[in-house]
Amino acid sequence: MPNYDTKPKRRLFEVLKSQGLQMNQRLEFLTDGGDTVRELPRDLSPESEHWLDWFHITMRLTVMGQTTKGLAAEEALASEPGNDAEKRPDGAEPEKPLERLKWHLWHGNVYRALQITEDLKSDLESQDEGSERAKKLLKVVREFHHYIESNRSSIPNYGDRYRHGETIATSFVESTVNQVISKRMVKKQQMRWTERGAHLLLQVRTRVLNEDLRGTFHRWYQGMKADPSQVEDAAA
């Protein structure tokens, strides 16, 4: 919990160090590209590489696509980004703006992606009295342009990485965070955890997943009995 843990960067560094991290070791970090984490990989390891998580790009593209659906006057924009745009067999650039935007980002062409967002902004800004939905879309496009511009050095050729079996997204992590944390801490459910309670619970949960909870208790309490499975093996 970043608002509760006063030294989250130190905690992450200690975890990496416990796994045998060497200062000259090459590391890859995939993040959401936010301002608070953009410089974190470089601080943790001088040999690290930072890539923008493809999952977060597609989430923002989906929001843009959903926003365009209600704009009858903007037919060229009113289509959700195609889920298989990057799989076009002919390698041709898609016709619709949002599909082109996703296609160029998938292939790491940040220059063309920024050109497309600039064109979208210009089209929306040229409307003298746009609808509220059009104003909302303009706001989303501006934010996406800034997002890509700020992370342009961290956008690789996702298609090439995918074809070579390299990681491009951490959607499974986002899904776990949403199920375990966000429903209680963000989405205003009836039973919400305090920040301290969530922080302590996450420490227990990670130790359970890492299978070192018993070892932690044994270190705290030297008289603690051994693992029951070890007792059974010894008895056998």
Protein backbone atom coordinates (compact mmCIF):
# COMPACT_ATOMS: atom_id res chain seq x y z
CA MET A 1 0.00 0.00 0.00
CA PRO A 2 1.91 3.08 -1.22
CA ASN A 3 -0.02 5.43 1.06
CA TYR A 4 0.83 3.31 4.10
CA ASP A 5 4.29 1.93 3.35
CA THR A 6 6.74 4.81 3.79
CA LYS A 7 9.53 3.13 1.79
CA PRO A 8 7.95 1.14 -1.07
CA LYS A 9 10.97 1.61 -3.35
CA ARG A 10 13.30 0.19 -0.68
CA ARG A 11 10.91 -2.74 -0.13
CA LEU A 12 10.89 -3.58 -3.86
CA PHE A 13 14.68 -3.30 -4.05
CA GLU A 14 15.09 -5.67 -1.10
CA VAL A 15 12.79 -8.19 -2.77
CA LEU A 16 14.85 -8.07 -5.96
CA LYS A 17 18.06 -8.30 -3.96
CA SER A 18 16.77 -11.37 -2.10
CA GLN A 19 16.24 -13.01 -5.50
CA GLY A 20 19.92 -12.53 -6.36
CA LEU A 21 19.78 -9.25 -8.25
CA GLN A 22 23.19 -8.04 -9.45
CA MET A 23 23.77 -4.38 -10.29
CA ASN A 24 25.04 -5.30 -13.77
CA GLN A 25 22.11 -7.65 -14.40
CA ARG A 26 19.71 -6.85 -17.23
CA LEU A 27 16.11 -6.45 -16.04
CA GLU A 28 12.88 -5.72 -17.85
CA PHE A 29 10.07 -3.81 -16.17
CA LEU A 30 6.54 -3.56 -17.59
CA THR A 31 4.50 -0.77 -16.03
CA ASP A 32 1.38 1.28 -16.70
CA GLY A 33 3.57 4.24 -17.67
CA GLY A 34 2.34 6.47 -14.85
CA ASP A 35 4.40 9.41 -13.64
CA THR A 36 5.17 7.73 -10.32
CA VAL A 37 6.67 4.56 -11.83
CA ARG A 38 8.32 5.81 -15.02
CA GLU A 39 11.67 6.49 -13.37
CA LEU A 40 11.47 3.62 -10.88
CA PRO A 41 13.21 0.92 -13.00
CA ARG A 42 16.25 3.13 -13.57
CA ASP A 43 16.49 3.87 -9.85
CA LEU A 44 16.39 0.17 -8.97
CA SER A 45 18.89 -1.09 -11.53
CA PRO A 46 21.13 0.82 -13.97
CA GLU A 47 20.85 -2.03 -16.49
CA SER A 48 17.06 -2.13 -16.48
CA GLU A 49 14.74 -1.66 -19.44
CA HIS A 50 11.30 -0.15 -19.08
CA TRP A 51 8.47 -1.09 -21.45
CA LEU A 52 4.94 0.24 -21.51
CA ASP A 53 2.48 -2.56 -20.75
CA TRP A 54 0.37 -3.32 -23.86
CA PHE A 55 -2.58 -4.10 -21.59
CA HIS A 56 -2.77 -0.47 -20.50
CA ILE A 57 -2.58 0.81 -24.07
CA THR A 58 -5.50 -1.38 -25.14
CA MET A 59 -7.53 -0.33 -22.09
CA ARG A 60 -7.21 3.33 -23.08
CA LEU A 61 -7.95 2.55 -26.72
CA THR A 62 -11.08 0.69 -25.65
CA VAL A 63 -12.25 3.73 -23.67
CA MET A 64 -11.70 5.91 -26.75
CA GLY A 65 -13.60 3.43 -28.90
CA GLN A 66 -16.53 3.28 -26.50
CA THR A 67 -16.69 7.08 -26.32
CA THR A 68 -16.96 7.39 -30.10
CA LYS A 69 -19.95 5.06 -30.36
CA GLY A 70 -22.48 7.77 -29.54
CA LEU A 71 -21.15 10.29 -32.03
CA ALA A 72 -23.33 10.00 -35.12
CA ALA A 73 -21.61 12.94 -36.79
CA GLU A 74 -18.19 11.35 -36.30
CA GLU A 75 -18.79 8.13 -38.26
CA ALA A 76 -15.09 7.79 -39.06
CA LEU A 77 -14.37 7.57 -35.34
CA ALA A 78 -17.39 5.59 -34.19
CA SER A 79 -15.83 2.15 -34.05
CA GLU A 80 -14.23 0.29 -31.19
CA PRO A 81 -10.57 -0.69 -31.78
CA GLY A 82 -10.47 -4.06 -33.52
CA ASN A 83 -9.19 -6.85 -31.30
CA ASP A 84 -7.39 -8.46 -34.21
CA ALA A 85 -6.13 -5.39 -36.04
CA GLU A 86 -2.55 -6.50 -35.54
CA LYS A 87 -3.31 -9.86 -37.21
CA ARG A 88 -4.10 -8.51 -40.69
CA PRO A 89 -2.58 -11.02 -43.10
CA ASP A 90 -1.81 -8.48 -45.82
CA GLY A 91 0.10 -6.18 -43.47
CA ALA A 92 -1.87 -3.21 -44.78
CA GLU A 93 -2.69 -0.22 -42.62
CA PRO A 94 -6.35 -0.25 -41.45
CA GLU A 95 -8.65 2.49 -42.69
CA LYS A 96 -10.41 3.61 -39.50
CA PRO A 97 -8.46 6.08 -37.32
CA LEU A 98 -8.61 4.14 -34.04
CA GLU A 99 -7.69 0.89 -35.76
CA ARG A 100 -4.77 2.65 -37.46
CA LEU A 101 -3.72 4.06 -34.12
CA LYS A 102 -3.71 0.63 -32.50
CA TRP A 103 -2.01 -0.94 -35.53
CA HIS A 104 0.89 1.54 -35.47
CA LEU A 105 1.36 1.22 -31.72
CA TRP A 106 1.38 -2.58 -32.02
CA HIS A 107 4.24 -2.23 -34.51
CA GLY A 108 6.08 0.34 -32.39
CA ASN A 109 5.53 3.24 -34.80
CA VAL A 110 5.06 5.98 -32.22
CA TYR A 111 5.62 8.78 -34.74
CA ARG A 112 2.59 7.79 -36.85
CA ALA A 113 0.50 7.08 -33.75
CA LEU A 114 1.09 10.61 -32.49
CA GLN A 115 0.23 12.00 -35.92
CA ILE A 116 -3.10 10.19 -35.81
CA THR A 117 -3.95 11.52 -32.37
CA GLU A 118 -3.00 15.03 -33.55
CA ASP A 119 -5.39 14.67 -36.49
CA LEU A 120 -8.14 13.44 -34.19
CA LYS A 121 -7.60 16.39 -31.88
CA SER A 122 -7.69 18.83 -34.80
CA ASP A 123 -10.94 17.37 -36.13
CA LEU A 124 -12.61 17.59 -32.74
CA GLU A 125 -11.27 21.07 -31.96
CA SER A 126 -12.54 22.39 -35.31
CA GLN A 127 -16.14 21.83 -34.24
CA ASP A 128 -17.51 25.15 -33.06
CA GLU A 129 -20.10 23.76 -30.68
CA GLY A 130 -19.48 20.09 -30.13
CA SER A 131 -21.75 17.89 -28.05
CA GLU A 132 -20.84 16.89 -24.53
CA ARG A 133 -19.81 13.48 -25.84
CA ALA A 134 -17.55 15.15 -28.40
CA LYS A 135 -15.96 17.25 -25.66
CA LYS A 136 -15.42 14.13 -23.59
CA LEU A 137 -13.81 12.39 -26.56
CA LEU A 138 -11.53 15.37 -27.13
CA LYS A 139 -10.43 15.20 -23.50
CA VAL A 140 -9.74 11.45 -23.81
CA VAL A 141 -7.76 11.93 -27.04
CA ARG A 142 -5.66 14.70 -25.49
CA GLU A 143 -4.89 12.54 -22.47
CA PHE A 144 -3.97 9.58 -24.68
CA HIS A 145 -1.68 11.76 -26.80
CA HIS A 146 0.11 12.99 -23.68
CA TYR A 147 0.30 9.40 -22.39
CA ILE A 148 1.98 8.12 -25.57
CA GLU A 149 4.24 11.16 -25.84
CA SER A 150 5.44 10.72 -22.25
CA ASN A 151 6.17 7.02 -22.78
CA ARG A 152 7.40 7.08 -26.37
CA SER A 153 10.85 5.77 -25.43
CA SER A 154 9.22 2.79 -23.67
CA ILE A 155 7.07 1.59 -26.57
CA PRO A 156 8.70 -1.34 -28.40
CA ASN A 157 7.55 -3.30 -31.43
CA TYR A 158 4.97 -5.37 -29.57
CA GLY A 159 4.29 -7.57 -32.58
CA ASP A 160 7.95 -8.52 -32.87
CA ARG A 161 8.23 -9.23 -29.15
CA TYR A 162 5.06 -11.31 -29.23
CA ARG A 163 6.30 -13.40 -32.16
CA HIS A 164 9.54 -14.11 -30.27
CA GLY A 165 7.71 -15.21 -27.13
CA GLU A 166 8.63 -12.12 -25.09
CA THR A 167 6.28 -10.64 -22.52
CA ILE A 168 4.27 -7.64 -23.69
CA ALA A 169 1.53 -7.39 -21.05
CA THR A 170 0.73 -8.19 -17.43
CA SER A 171 -3.05 -8.47 -17.66
CA PHE A 172 -3.06 -11.45 -15.26
CA VAL A 173 -1.55 -9.20 -12.58
CA GLU A 174 -4.14 -6.48 -13.21
CA SER A 175 -6.93 -9.06 -12.97
CA THR A 176 -5.60 -10.31 -9.63
CA VAL A 177 -5.25 -6.78 -8.25
CA ASN A 178 -8.80 -6.00 -9.33
CA GLN A 179 -10.25 -9.10 -7.70
CA VAL A 180 -8.23 -9.04 -4.49
CA ILE A 181 -7.80 -5.34 -3.78
CA SER A 182 -9.80 -2.93 -5.93
CA LYS A 183 -13.22 -4.31 -5.10
CA ARG A 184 -12.63 -3.50 -1.43
CA MET A 185 -10.36 -0.46 -1.64
CA VAL A 186 -11.57 1.44 -4.72
CA LYS A 187 -15.01 0.34 -5.82
CA LYS A 188 -16.91 1.43 -2.70
CA GLN A 189 -18.08 -1.99 -1.59
CA GLN A 190 -19.86 -2.28 1.75
CA MET A 191 -16.94 -4.00 3.46
CA ARG A 192 -13.83 -1.92 2.88
CA TRP A 193 -10.40 -2.50 4.36
CA THR A 194 -8.38 0.15 6.11
CA GLU A 195 -5.06 0.94 4.45
CA ARG A 196 -3.20 -0.63 7.37
CA GLY A 197 -5.37 -3.75 7.27
CA ALA A 198 -4.92 -4.13 3.51
CA HIS A 199 -1.17 -3.60 3.82
CA LEU A 200 -0.79 -6.28 6.49
CA LEU A 201 -3.09 -8.72 4.70
CA LEU A 202 -1.08 -8.37 1.49
CA GLN A 203 2.12 -9.24 3.37
CA VAL A 204 0.49 -12.49 4.54
CA ARG A 205 -0.98 -13.23 1.12
CA THR A 206 2.32 -12.80 -0.73
CA ARG A 207 4.08 -15.08 1.74
CA VAL A 208 1.41 -17.72 1.22
CA LEU A 209 1.83 -17.50 -2.56
CA ASN A 210 5.63 -17.65 -2.19
CA GLU A 211 5.26 -20.63 0.19
CA ASP A 212 7.43 -19.01 2.86
CA LEU A 213 4.79 -18.09 5.46
CA ARG A 214 5.73 -21.04 7.69
CA GLY A 215 9.40 -20.14 7.40
CA THR A 216 8.62 -16.58 8.50
CA PHE A 217 6.72 -17.79 11.56
CA HIS A 218 9.48 -20.27 12.36
CA ARG A 219 12.02 -17.46 12.24
CA TRP A 220 9.90 -15.43 14.65
CA TYR A 221 9.08 -18.34 16.93
CA GLN A 222 12.00 -20.77 17.19
CA GLY A 223 9.93 -23.31 19.11
CA MET A 224 7.35 -23.65 16.37
CA LYS A 225 6.76 -27.21 15.19
CA ALA A 226 8.14 -28.28 11.86
CA ASP A 227 6.08 -28.61 8.74
CA PRO A 228 3.57 -31.46 9.27
CA SER A 229 4.63 -33.03 5.96
CA GLN A 230 8.23 -33.14 7.24
CA VAL A 231 7.05 -34.87 10.42
CA GLU A 232 5.18 -37.47 8.38
CA ASP A 233 8.25 -38.08 6.19
CA ALA A 234 10.44 -38.50 9.24
CA ALA A 235 7.95 -40.93 10.82
CA ALA A 236 7.85 -42.99 7.64
